[in-house]
Amino acid sequence: MVLWKCQVCNFVFEGPQPPDKCPKCGAPKEQFRQLSEQEAELIIRSRKSNYLHMRALSLLRELLTVAEEIIQDNLDPPCVKIASEEKEFASTTIQKIVAELESHMKKGKWG
């Protein structure tokens, strides 16, 4: 797999040759550089990791909603206690994942 990176906007293109112009910013073909095998591997691995983090975010947001429903239902104190713990866990973990994804973006580990 050959990856090309636009030097203007950092768009990553996959293909045997760079596009005639950048699909994101319109820069000409000459603004693309072929990524090294090591750079390409990092982007491929980062895409998978980032996808999994985004999937976890979706599930954690669903957990927040479900936990809040349990709390509002207020069936009994043990149920509310568990739901409150779930809500706290989900909220904290969401914040940690968002911070991690931000660090990936700053390090160029996005692709």
PDB file of N, CA and C in Angstrom:
ATOM      1  N   MET A   1       0.848  -1.167   0.000  1.00  0.00           N
ATOM      2  CA  MET A   1       0.000   0.000   0.000  1.00  0.00           C
ATOM      3  C   MET A   1       0.901   1.239   0.000  1.00  0.00           C
ATOM      4  N   VAL A   2       0.626   2.146  -0.913  1.00  0.00           N
ATOM      5  CA  VAL A   2       1.397   3.373  -1.008  1.00  0.00           C
ATOM      6  C   VAL A   2       0.545   4.526  -0.492  1.00  0.00           C
ATOM      7  N   LEU A   3       1.088   5.293   0.433  1.00  0.00           N
ATOM      8  CA  LEU A   3       0.386   6.451   0.966  1.00  0.00           C
ATOM      9  C   LEU A   3       1.127   7.720   0.573  1.00  0.00           C
ATOM     10  N   TRP A   4       0.344   8.728   0.237  1.00  0.00           N
ATOM     11  CA  TRP A   4       0.858  10.033  -0.149  1.00  0.00           C
ATOM     12  C   TRP A   4       0.263  11.076   0.783  1.00  0.00           C
ATOM     13  N   LYS A   5       1.067  12.065   1.175  1.00  0.00           N
ATOM     14  CA  LYS A   5       0.585  13.090   2.098  1.00  0.00           C
ATOM     15  C   LYS A   5       0.704  14.469   1.452  1.00  0.00           C
ATOM     16  N   CYS A   6      -0.404  15.200   1.487  1.00  0.00           N
ATOM     17  CA  CYS A   6      -0.411  16.563   0.974  1.00  0.00           C
ATOM     18  C   CYS A   6       0.375  17.445   1.944  1.00  0.00           C
ATOM     19  N   GLN A   7       1.347  18.151   1.437  1.00  0.00           N
ATOM     20  CA  GLN A   7       2.194  18.996   2.273  1.00  0.00           C
ATOM     21  C   GLN A   7       1.508  20.309   2.648  1.00  0.00           C
ATOM     22  N   VAL A   8       0.349  20.577   2.046  1.00  0.00           N
ATOM     23  CA  VAL A   8      -0.394  21.802   2.354  1.00  0.00           C
ATOM     24  C   VAL A   8      -1.362  21.564   3.513  1.00  0.00           C
ATOM     25  N   CYS A   9      -2.156  20.480   3.427  1.00  0.00           N
ATOM     26  CA  CYS A   9      -3.222  20.274   4.427  1.00  0.00           C
ATOM     27  C   CYS A   9      -3.110  18.963   5.206  1.00  0.00           C
ATOM     28  N   ASN A  10      -2.105  18.139   4.893  1.00  0.00           N
ATOM     29  CA  ASN A  10      -1.869  16.849   5.563  1.00  0.00           C
ATOM     30  C   ASN A  10      -2.853  15.749   5.194  1.00  0.00           C
ATOM     31  N   PHE A  11      -3.641  15.950   4.153  1.00  0.00           N
ATOM     32  CA  PHE A  11      -4.529  14.894   3.667  1.00  0.00           C
ATOM     33  C   PHE A  11      -3.685  13.693   3.246  1.00  0.00           C
ATOM     34  N   VAL A  12      -4.106  12.486   3.641  1.00  0.00           N
ATOM     35  CA  VAL A  12      -3.390  11.268   3.268  1.00  0.00           C
ATOM     36  C   VAL A  12      -4.195  10.542   2.200  1.00  0.00           C
ATOM     37  N   PHE A  13      -3.534  10.285   1.073  1.00  0.00           N
ATOM     38  CA  PHE A  13      -4.160   9.629  -0.070  1.00  0.00           C
ATOM     39  C   PHE A  13      -3.537   8.255  -0.243  1.00  0.00           C
ATOM     40  N   GLU A  14      -4.382   7.258  -0.527  1.00  0.00           N
ATOM     41  CA  GLU A  14      -3.915   5.890  -0.742  1.00  0.00           C
ATOM     42  C   GLU A  14      -4.044   5.546  -2.221  1.00  0.00           C
ATOM     43  N   GLY A  15      -2.922   5.177  -2.844  1.00  0.00           N
ATOM     44  CA  GLY A  15      -2.952   4.801  -4.245  1.00  0.00           C
ATOM     45  C   GLY A  15      -1.550   4.713  -4.819  1.00  0.00           C
ATOM     46  N   PRO A  16      -1.414   4.136  -6.018  1.00  0.00           N
ATOM     47  CA  PRO A  16      -0.079   3.961  -6.602  1.00  0.00           C
ATOM     48  C   PRO A  16       0.584   5.291  -6.970  1.00  0.00           C
ATOM     49  N   GLN A  17      -0.224   6.304  -7.262  1.00  0.00           N
ATOM     50  CA  GLN A  17       0.266   7.636  -7.603  1.00  0.00           C
ATOM     51  C   GLN A  17      -0.543   8.659  -6.818  1.00  0.00           C
ATOM     52  N   PRO A  18       0.024   9.826  -6.571  1.00  0.00           N
ATOM     53  CA  PRO A  18      -0.780  10.856  -5.907  1.00  0.00           C
ATOM     54  C   PRO A  18      -1.882  11.353  -6.842  1.00  0.00           C
ATOM     55  N   PRO A  19      -2.945  11.923  -6.314  1.00  0.00           N
ATOM     56  CA  PRO A  19      -4.000  12.455  -7.180  1.00  0.00           C
ATOM     57  C   PRO A  19      -3.499  13.702  -7.915  1.00  0.00           C
ATOM     58  N   ASP A  20      -4.165  14.061  -8.992  1.00  0.00           N
ATOM     59  CA  ASP A  20      -3.775  15.257  -9.747  1.00  0.00           C
ATOM     60  C   ASP A  20      -3.904  16.521  -8.903  1.00  0.00           C
ATOM     61  N   LYS A  21      -4.897  16.513  -8.017  1.00  0.00           N
ATOM     62  CA  LYS A  21      -5.016  17.603  -7.052  1.00  0.00           C
ATOM     63  C   LYS A  21      -5.575  17.043  -5.752  1.00  0.00           C
ATOM     64  N   CYS A  22      -5.270  17.719  -4.663  1.00  0.00           N
ATOM     65  CA  CYS A  22      -5.704  17.249  -3.346  1.00  0.00           C
ATOM     66  C   CYS A  22      -7.223  17.334  -3.242  1.00  0.00           C
ATOM     67  N   PRO A  23      -7.873  16.219  -2.868  1.00  0.00           N
ATOM     68  CA  PRO A  23      -9.331  16.234  -2.718  1.00  0.00           C
ATOM     69  C   PRO A  23      -9.804  17.170  -1.609  1.00  0.00           C
ATOM     70  N   LYS A  24      -8.914  17.465  -0.656  1.00  0.00           N
ATOM     71  CA  LYS A  24      -9.310  18.318   0.467  1.00  0.00           C
ATOM     72  C   LYS A  24      -9.073  19.798   0.182  1.00  0.00           C
ATOM     73  N   CYS A  25      -7.856  20.155  -0.240  1.00  0.00           N
ATOM     74  CA  CYS A  25      -7.524  21.581  -0.371  1.00  0.00           C
ATOM     75  C   CYS A  25      -7.284  22.033  -1.805  1.00  0.00           C
ATOM     76  N   GLY A  26      -7.236  21.095  -2.749  1.00  0.00           N
ATOM     77  CA  GLY A  26      -7.045  21.459  -4.142  1.00  0.00           C
ATOM     78  C   GLY A  26      -5.599  21.688  -4.561  1.00  0.00           C
ATOM     79  N   ALA A  27      -4.650  21.419  -3.653  1.00  0.00           N
ATOM     80  CA  ALA A  27      -3.234  21.608  -3.998  1.00  0.00           C
ATOM     81  C   ALA A  27      -2.856  20.680  -5.155  1.00  0.00           C
ATOM     82  N   PRO A  28      -1.914  21.105  -5.996  1.00  0.00           N
ATOM     83  CA  PRO A  28      -1.514  20.275  -7.138  1.00  0.00           C
ATOM     84  C   PRO A  28      -0.747  19.030  -6.708  1.00  0.00           C
ATOM     85  N   LYS A  29      -0.667  18.088  -7.619  1.00  0.00           N
ATOM     86  CA  LYS A  29      -0.002  16.799  -7.409  1.00  0.00           C
ATOM     87  C   LYS A  29       1.398  16.949  -6.820  1.00  0.00           C
ATOM     88  N   GLU A  30       2.105  17.992  -7.221  1.00  0.00           N
ATOM     89  CA  GLU A  30       3.484  18.203  -6.770  1.00  0.00           C
ATOM     90  C   GLU A  30       3.589  18.455  -5.265  1.00  0.00           C
ATOM     91  N   GLN A  31       2.477  18.776  -4.628  1.00  0.00           N
ATOM     92  CA  GLN A  31       2.485  19.035  -3.182  1.00  0.00           C
ATOM     93  C   GLN A  31       2.390  17.751  -2.352  1.00  0.00           C
ATOM     94  N   PHE A  32       2.253  16.607  -3.028  1.00  0.00           N
ATOM     95  CA  PHE A  32       2.192  15.332  -2.314  1.00  0.00           C
ATOM     96  C   PHE A  32       3.587  14.719  -2.230  1.00  0.00           C
ATOM     97  N   ARG A  33       3.861  14.084  -1.088  1.00  0.00           N
ATOM     98  CA  ARG A  33       5.090  13.310  -0.966  1.00  0.00           C
ATOM     99  C   ARG A  33       4.708  11.906  -0.547  1.00  0.00           C
ATOM    100  N   GLN A  34       5.452  10.952  -1.073  1.00  0.00           N
ATOM    101  CA  GLN A  34       5.204   9.557  -0.723  1.00  0.00           C
ATOM    102  C   GLN A  34       5.727   9.316   0.683  1.00  0.00           C
ATOM    103  N   LEU A  35       4.906   8.685   1.512  1.00  0.00           N
ATOM    104  CA  LEU A  35       5.318   8.372   2.877  1.00  0.00           C
ATOM    105  C   LEU A  35       6.215   7.142   2.870  1.00  0.00           C
ATOM    106  N   SER A  36       7.148   7.136   3.788  1.00  0.00           N
ATOM    107  CA  SER A  36       8.019   5.968   3.927  1.00  0.00           C
ATOM    108  C   SER A  36       7.190   4.787   4.418  1.00  0.00           C
ATOM    109  N   GLU A  37       7.762   3.606   4.302  1.00  0.00           N
ATOM    110  CA  GLU A  37       7.074   2.402   4.773  1.00  0.00           C
ATOM    111  C   GLU A  37       6.758   2.523   6.266  1.00  0.00           C
ATOM    112  N   GLN A  38       7.694   3.067   7.025  1.00  0.00           N
ATOM    113  CA  GLN A  38       7.506   3.234   8.472  1.00  0.00           C
ATOM    114  C   GLN A  38       6.381   4.243   8.757  1.00  0.00           C
ATOM    115  N   GLU A  39       6.360   5.353   8.042  1.00  0.00           N
ATOM    116  CA  GLU A  39       5.305   6.353   8.231  1.00  0.00           C
ATOM    117  C   GLU A  39       3.943   5.774   7.856  1.00  0.00           C
ATOM    118  N   ALA A  40       3.891   5.036   6.753  1.00  0.00           N
ATOM    119  CA  ALA A  40       2.639   4.429   6.308  1.00  0.00           C
ATOM    120  C   ALA A  40       2.134   3.411   7.329  1.00  0.00           C
ATOM    121  N   GLU A  41       3.031   2.606   7.864  1.00  0.00           N
ATOM    122  CA  GLU A  41       2.645   1.605   8.868  1.00  0.00           C
ATOM    123  C   GLU A  41       2.070   2.279  10.112  1.00  0.00           C
ATOM    124  N   LEU A  42       2.670   3.381  10.540  1.00  0.00           N
ATOM    125  CA  LEU A  42       2.170   4.114  11.709  1.00  0.00           C
ATOM    126  C   LEU A  42       0.757   4.639  11.442  1.00  0.00           C
ATOM    127  N   ILE A  43       0.520   5.151  10.254  1.00  0.00           N
ATOM    128  CA  ILE A  43      -0.814   5.661   9.918  1.00  0.00           C
ATOM    129  C   ILE A  43      -1.826   4.526   9.887  1.00  0.00           C
ATOM    130  N   ILE A  44      -1.467   3.408   9.299  1.00  0.00           N
ATOM    131  CA  ILE A  44      -2.385   2.268   9.223  1.00  0.00           C
ATOM    132  C   ILE A  44      -2.736   1.770  10.627  1.00  0.00           C
ATOM    133  N   ARG A  45      -1.725   1.627  11.464  1.00  0.00           N
ATOM    134  CA  ARG A  45      -1.976   1.181  12.846  1.00  0.00           C
ATOM    135  C   ARG A  45      -2.783   2.225  13.617  1.00  0.00           C
ATOM    136  N   SER A  46      -2.481   3.492  13.390  1.00  0.00           N
ATOM    137  CA  SER A  46      -3.197   4.567  14.074  1.00  0.00           C
ATOM    138  C   SER A  46      -4.661   4.603  13.666  1.00  0.00           C
ATOM    139  N   ARG A  47      -4.922   4.380  12.381  1.00  0.00           N
ATOM    140  CA  ARG A  47      -6.317   4.358  11.919  1.00  0.00           C
ATOM    141  C   ARG A  47      -7.114   3.304  12.674  1.00  0.00           C
ATOM    142  N   LYS A  48      -6.522   2.119  12.846  1.00  0.00           N
ATOM    143  CA  LYS A  48      -7.220   1.041  13.563  1.00  0.00           C
ATOM    144  C   LYS A  48      -7.447   1.422  15.019  1.00  0.00           C
ATOM    145  N   SER A  49      -6.400   1.897  15.677  1.00  0.00           N
ATOM    146  CA  SER A  49      -6.510   2.283  17.085  1.00  0.00           C
ATOM    147  C   SER A  49      -7.536   3.404  17.272  1.00  0.00           C
ATOM    148  N   ASN A  50      -7.479   4.400  16.409  1.00  0.00           N
ATOM    149  CA  ASN A  50      -8.403   5.523  16.522  1.00  0.00           C
ATOM    150  C   ASN A  50      -9.835   5.089  16.271  1.00  0.00           C
ATOM    151  N   TYR A  51     -10.028   4.189  15.303  1.00  0.00           N
ATOM    152  CA  TYR A  51     -11.359   3.661  15.040  1.00  0.00           C
ATOM    153  C   TYR A  51     -11.903   2.954  16.288  1.00  0.00           C
ATOM    154  N   LEU A  52     -11.055   2.145  16.919  1.00  0.00           N
ATOM    155  CA  LEU A  52     -11.499   1.422  18.113  1.00  0.00           C
ATOM    156  C   LEU A  52     -11.810   2.375  19.261  1.00  0.00           C
ATOM    157  N   HIS A  53     -11.002   3.418  19.407  1.00  0.00           N
ATOM    158  CA  HIS A  53     -11.295   4.426  20.435  1.00  0.00           C
ATOM    159  C   HIS A  53     -12.630   5.119  20.141  1.00  0.00           C
ATOM    160  N   MET A  54     -12.890   5.442  18.886  1.00  0.00           N
ATOM    161  CA  MET A  54     -14.154   6.096  18.535  1.00  0.00           C
ATOM    162  C   MET A  54     -15.337   5.153  18.794  1.00  0.00           C
ATOM    163  N   ARG A  55     -15.132   3.895  18.520  1.00  0.00           N
ATOM    164  CA  ARG A  55     -16.179   2.911  18.803  1.00  0.00           C
ATOM    165  C   ARG A  55     -16.452   2.832  20.303  1.00  0.00           C
ATOM    166  N   ALA A  56     -15.368   2.825  21.097  1.00  0.00           N
ATOM    167  CA  ALA A  56     -15.518   2.806  22.555  1.00  0.00           C
ATOM    168  C   ALA A  56     -16.249   4.060  23.038  1.00  0.00           C
ATOM    169  N   LEU A  57     -15.928   5.209  22.437  1.00  0.00           N
ATOM    170  CA  LEU A  57     -16.628   6.445  22.805  1.00  0.00           C
ATOM    171  C   LEU A  57     -18.132   6.303  22.599  1.00  0.00           C
ATOM    172  N   SER A  58     -18.530   5.737  21.475  1.00  0.00           N
ATOM    173  CA  SER A  58     -19.956   5.556  21.192  1.00  0.00           C
ATOM    174  C   SER A  58     -20.610   4.662  22.242  1.00  0.00           C
ATOM    175  N   LEU A  59     -19.945   3.590  22.584  1.00  0.00           N
ATOM    176  CA  LEU A  59     -20.497   2.669  23.587  1.00  0.00           C
ATOM    177  C   LEU A  59     -20.565   3.322  24.960  1.00  0.00           C
ATOM    178  N   LEU A  60     -19.547   4.084  25.305  1.00  0.00           N
ATOM    179  CA  LEU A  60     -19.552   4.764  26.602  1.00  0.00           C
ATOM    180  C   LEU A  60     -20.642   5.827  26.673  1.00  0.00           C
ATOM    181  N   ARG A  61     -20.890   6.513  25.570  1.00  0.00           N
ATOM    182  CA  ARG A  61     -21.978   7.502  25.548  1.00  0.00           C
ATOM    183  C   ARG A  61     -23.327   6.806  25.713  1.00  0.00           C
ATOM    184  N   GLU A  62     -23.456   5.627  25.127  1.00  0.00           N
ATOM    185  CA  GLU A  62     -24.689   4.855  25.320  1.00  0.00           C
ATOM    186  C   GLU A  62     -24.816   4.430  26.784  1.00  0.00           C
ATOM    187  N   LEU A  63     -23.699   4.020  27.391  1.00  0.00           N
ATOM    188  CA  LEU A  63     -23.714   3.654  28.810  1.00  0.00           C
ATOM    189  C   LEU A  63     -24.156   4.835  29.673  1.00  0.00           C
ATOM    190  N   LEU A  64     -23.691   6.039  29.347  1.00  0.00           N
ATOM    191  CA  LEU A  64     -24.126   7.225  30.093  1.00  0.00           C
ATOM    192  C   LEU A  64     -25.642   7.378  30.039  1.00  0.00           C
ATOM    193  N   THR A  65     -26.204   7.193  28.871  1.00  0.00           N
ATOM    194  CA  THR A  65     -27.649   7.325  28.697  1.00  0.00           C
ATOM    195  C   THR A  65     -28.398   6.262  29.498  1.00  0.00           C
ATOM    196  N   VAL A  66     -27.931   5.030  29.400  1.00  0.00           N
ATOM    197  CA  VAL A  66     -28.590   3.937  30.121  1.00  0.00           C
ATOM    198  C   VAL A  66     -28.469   4.138  31.633  1.00  0.00           C
ATOM    199  N   ALA A  67     -27.297   4.506  32.093  1.00  0.00           N
ATOM    200  CA  ALA A  67     -27.098   4.727  33.528  1.00  0.00           C
ATOM    201  C   ALA A  67     -28.016   5.831  34.032  1.00  0.00           C
ATOM    202  N   GLU A  68     -28.147   6.899  33.244  1.00  0.00           N
ATOM    203  CA  GLU A  68     -29.035   7.999  33.649  1.00  0.00           C
ATOM    204  C   GLU A  68     -30.483   7.533  33.719  1.00  0.00           C
ATOM    205  N   GLU A  69     -30.898   6.675  32.796  1.00  0.00           N
ATOM    206  CA  GLU A  69     -32.262   6.127  32.839  1.00  0.00           C
ATOM    207  C   GLU A  69     -32.481   5.302  34.106  1.00  0.00           C
ATOM    208  N   ILE A  70     -31.489   4.518  34.472  1.00  0.00           N
ATOM    209  CA  ILE A  70     -31.595   3.704  35.693  1.00  0.00           C
ATOM    210  C   ILE A  70     -31.700   4.611  36.915  1.00  0.00           C
ATOM    211  N   ILE A  71     -30.878   5.654  36.934  1.00  0.00           N
ATOM    212  CA  ILE A  71     -30.913   6.597  38.061  1.00  0.00           C
ATOM    213  C   ILE A  71     -32.283   7.264  38.147  1.00  0.00           C
ATOM    214  N   GLN A  72     -32.810   7.690  37.013  1.00  0.00           N
ATOM    215  CA  GLN A  72     -34.123   8.349  36.997  1.00  0.00           C
ATOM    216  C   GLN A  72     -35.244   7.398  37.408  1.00  0.00           C
ATOM    217  N   ASP A  73     -35.114   6.132  37.041  1.00  0.00           N
ATOM    218  CA  ASP A  73     -36.120   5.132  37.413  1.00  0.00           C
ATOM    219  C   ASP A  73     -36.143   4.940  38.924  1.00  0.00           C
ATOM    220  N   ASN A  74     -34.967   4.994  39.551  1.00  0.00           N
ATOM    221  CA  ASN A  74     -34.845   4.982  41.009  1.00  0.00           C
ATOM    222  C   ASN A  74     -35.578   3.805  41.655  1.00  0.00           C
ATOM    223  N   LEU A  75     -35.355   2.600  41.097  1.00  0.00           N
ATOM    224  CA  LEU A  75     -36.035   1.412  41.603  1.00  0.00           C
ATOM    225  C   LEU A  75     -35.629   1.120  43.050  1.00  0.00           C
ATOM    226  N   ASP A  76     -34.337   1.080  43.274  1.00  0.00           N
ATOM    227  CA  ASP A  76     -33.865   0.872  44.644  1.00  0.00           C
ATOM    228  C   ASP A  76     -32.429   1.383  44.760  1.00  0.00           C
ATOM    229  N   PRO A  77     -31.963   1.624  45.986  1.00  0.00           N
ATOM    230  CA  PRO A  77     -30.629   2.202  46.185  1.00  0.00           C
ATOM    231  C   PRO A  77     -29.477   1.412  45.541  1.00  0.00           C
ATOM    232  N   PRO A  78     -29.459   0.064  45.604  1.00  0.00           N
ATOM    233  CA  PRO A  78     -28.349  -0.638  44.947  1.00  0.00           C
ATOM    234  C   PRO A  78     -28.300  -0.394  43.433  1.00  0.00           C
ATOM    235  N   CYS A  79     -29.454  -0.355  42.770  1.00  0.00           N
ATOM    236  CA  CYS A  79     -29.491  -0.083  41.329  1.00  0.00           C
ATOM    237  C   CYS A  79     -28.962   1.319  41.039  1.00  0.00           C
ATOM    238  N   VAL A  80     -29.395   2.283  41.821  1.00  0.00           N
ATOM    239  CA  VAL A  80     -28.954   3.668  41.632  1.00  0.00           C
ATOM    240  C   VAL A  80     -27.455   3.780  41.884  1.00  0.00           C
ATOM    241  N   LYS A  81     -26.953   3.074  42.879  1.00  0.00           N
ATOM    242  CA  LYS A  81     -25.526   3.113  43.198  1.00  0.00           C
ATOM    243  C   LYS A  81     -24.702   2.564  42.021  1.00  0.00           C
ATOM    244  N   ILE A  82     -25.112   1.422  41.500  1.00  0.00           N
ATOM    245  CA  ILE A  82     -24.398   0.832  40.361  1.00  0.00           C
ATOM    246  C   ILE A  82     -24.440   1.769  39.161  1.00  0.00           C
ATOM    247  N   ALA A  83     -25.620   2.300  38.873  1.00  0.00           N
ATOM    248  CA  ALA A  83     -25.761   3.203  37.728  1.00  0.00           C
ATOM    249  C   ALA A  83     -24.911   4.461  37.909  1.00  0.00           C
ATOM    250  N   SER A  84     -24.830   4.958  39.121  1.00  0.00           N
ATOM    251  CA  SER A  84     -24.002   6.140  39.388  1.00  0.00           C
ATOM    252  C   SER A  84     -22.523   5.831  39.158  1.00  0.00           C
ATOM    253  N   GLU A  85     -22.101   4.646  39.561  1.00  0.00           N
ATOM    254  CA  GLU A  85     -20.714   4.224  39.326  1.00  0.00           C
ATOM    255  C   GLU A  85     -20.450   4.052  37.822  1.00  0.00           C
ATOM    256  N   GLU A  86     -21.415   3.472  37.119  1.00  0.00           N
ATOM    257  CA  GLU A  86     -21.279   3.320  35.662  1.00  0.00           C
ATOM    258  C   GLU A  86     -21.152   4.688  34.991  1.00  0.00           C
ATOM    259  N   LYS A  87     -21.982   5.623  35.432  1.00  0.00           N
ATOM    260  CA  LYS A  87     -21.982   6.964  34.857  1.00  0.00           C
ATOM    261  C   LYS A  87     -20.638   7.663  35.099  1.00  0.00           C
ATOM    262  N   GLU A  88     -20.114   7.533  36.305  1.00  0.00           N
ATOM    263  CA  GLU A  88     -18.820   8.146  36.628  1.00  0.00           C
ATOM    264  C   GLU A  88     -17.695   7.508  35.809  1.00  0.00           C
ATOM    265  N   PHE A  89     -17.710   6.183  35.715  1.00  0.00           N
ATOM    266  CA  PHE A  89     -16.702   5.472  34.922  1.00  0.00           C
ATOM    267  C   PHE A  89     -16.749   5.919  33.469  1.00  0.00           C
ATOM    268  N   ALA A  90     -17.948   5.922  32.888  1.00  0.00           N
ATOM    269  CA  ALA A  90     -18.093   6.285  31.479  1.00  0.00           C
ATOM    270  C   ALA A  90     -17.638   7.713  31.236  1.00  0.00           C
ATOM    271  N   SER A  91     -18.031   8.603  32.090  1.00  0.00           N
ATOM    272  CA  SER A  91     -17.665  10.011  31.925  1.00  0.00           C
ATOM    273  C   SER A  91     -16.152  10.215  31.985  1.00  0.00           C
ATOM    274  N   THR A  92     -15.511   9.607  32.967  1.00  0.00           N
ATOM    275  CA  THR A  92     -14.056   9.730  33.111  1.00  0.00           C
ATOM    276  C   THR A  92     -13.329   9.083  31.933  1.00  0.00           C
ATOM    277  N   THR A  93     -13.781   7.928  31.516  1.00  0.00           N
ATOM    278  CA  THR A  93     -13.129   7.216  30.415  1.00  0.00           C
ATOM    279  C   THR A  93     -13.305   7.972  29.101  1.00  0.00           C
ATOM    280  N   ILE A  94     -14.454   8.563  28.881  1.00  0.00           N
ATOM    281  CA  ILE A  94     -14.664   9.391  27.688  1.00  0.00           C
ATOM    282  C   ILE A  94     -13.637  10.517  27.653  1.00  0.00           C
ATOM    283  N   GLN A  95     -13.439  11.187  28.767  1.00  0.00           N
ATOM    284  CA  GLN A  95     -12.485  12.292  28.827  1.00  0.00           C
ATOM    285  C   GLN A  95     -11.056  11.813  28.546  1.00  0.00           C
ATOM    286  N   LYS A  96     -10.713  10.637  29.058  1.00  0.00           N
ATOM    287  CA  LYS A  96      -9.376  10.091  28.808  1.00  0.00           C
ATOM    288  C   LYS A  96      -9.184   9.727  27.333  1.00  0.00           C
ATOM    289  N   ILE A  97     -10.205   9.140  26.723  1.00  0.00           N
ATOM    290  CA  ILE A  97     -10.111   8.777  25.310  1.00  0.00           C
ATOM    291  C   ILE A  97      -9.990  10.028  24.445  1.00  0.00           C
ATOM    292  N   VAL A  98     -10.775  11.040  24.733  1.00  0.00           N
ATOM    293  CA  VAL A  98     -10.702  12.284  23.962  1.00  0.00           C
ATOM    294  C   VAL A  98      -9.304  12.892  24.071  1.00  0.00           C
ATOM    295  N   ALA A  99      -8.727  12.887  25.267  1.00  0.00           N
ATOM    296  CA  ALA A  99      -7.370  13.416  25.452  1.00  0.00           C
ATOM    297  C   ALA A  99      -6.359  12.584  24.665  1.00  0.00           C
ATOM    298  N   GLU A 100      -6.532  11.282  24.655  1.00  0.00           N
ATOM    299  CA  GLU A 100      -5.619  10.403  23.910  1.00  0.00           C
ATOM    300  C   GLU A 100      -5.718  10.660  22.408  1.00  0.00           C
ATOM    301  N   LEU A 101      -6.940  10.794  21.909  1.00  0.00           N
ATOM    302  CA  LEU A 101      -7.112  11.070  20.484  1.00  0.00           C
ATOM    303  C   LEU A 101      -6.517  12.427  20.111  1.00  0.00           C
ATOM    304  N   GLU A 102      -6.652  13.388  20.993  1.00  0.00           N
ATOM    305  CA  GLU A 102      -6.043  14.699  20.747  1.00  0.00           C
ATOM    306  C   GLU A 102      -4.524  14.575  20.651  1.00  0.00           C
ATOM    307  N   SER A 103      -3.931  13.773  21.535  1.00  0.00           N
ATOM    308  CA  SER A 103      -2.479  13.587  21.475  1.00  0.00           C
ATOM    309  C   SER A 103      -2.083  12.852  20.191  1.00  0.00           C
ATOM    310  N   HIS A 104      -2.913  11.922  19.722  1.00  0.00           N
ATOM    311  CA  HIS A 104      -2.637  11.240  18.452  1.00  0.00           C
ATOM    312  C   HIS A 104      -2.602  12.262  17.319  1.00  0.00           C
ATOM    313  N   MET A 105      -3.553  13.169  17.314  1.00  0.00           N
ATOM    314  CA  MET A 105      -3.621  14.172  16.255  1.00  0.00           C
ATOM    315  C   MET A 105      -2.378  15.074  16.288  1.00  0.00           C
ATOM    316  N   LYS A 106      -1.961  15.478  17.470  1.00  0.00           N
ATOM    317  CA  LYS A 106      -0.797  16.361  17.592  1.00  0.00           C
ATOM    318  C   LYS A 106       0.487  15.646  17.164  1.00  0.00           C
ATOM    319  N   LYS A 107       0.527  14.327  17.330  1.00  0.00           N
ATOM    320  CA  LYS A 107       1.718  13.550  16.956  1.00  0.00           C
ATOM    321  C   LYS A 107       1.652  13.061  15.504  1.00  0.00           C
ATOM    322  N   GLY A 108       0.591  13.419  14.798  1.00  0.00           N
ATOM    323  CA  GLY A 108       0.447  12.965  13.418  1.00  0.00           C
ATOM    324  C   GLY A 108       0.028  11.519  13.295  1.00  0.00           C
ATOM    325  N   LYS A 109      -0.496  10.949  14.370  1.00  0.00           N
ATOM    326  CA  LYS A 109      -0.926   9.545  14.366  1.00  0.00           C
ATOM    327  C   LYS A 109      -2.434   9.489  14.110  1.00  0.00           C
ATOM    328  N   TRP A 110      -2.837   9.986  12.969  1.00  0.00           N
ATOM    329  CA  TRP A 110      -4.258   9.968  12.640  1.00  0.00           C
ATOM    330  C   TRP A 110      -4.439   9.345  11.277  1.00  0.00           C
ATOM    331  N   GLY A 111      -4.090  10.030  10.233  1.00  0.00           N
ATOM    332  CA  GLY A 111      -4.107   9.477   8.886  1.00  0.00           C
ATOM    333  C   GLY A 111      -5.428   9.539   8.226  1.00  0.00           C
TER     334      GLY A 111
END
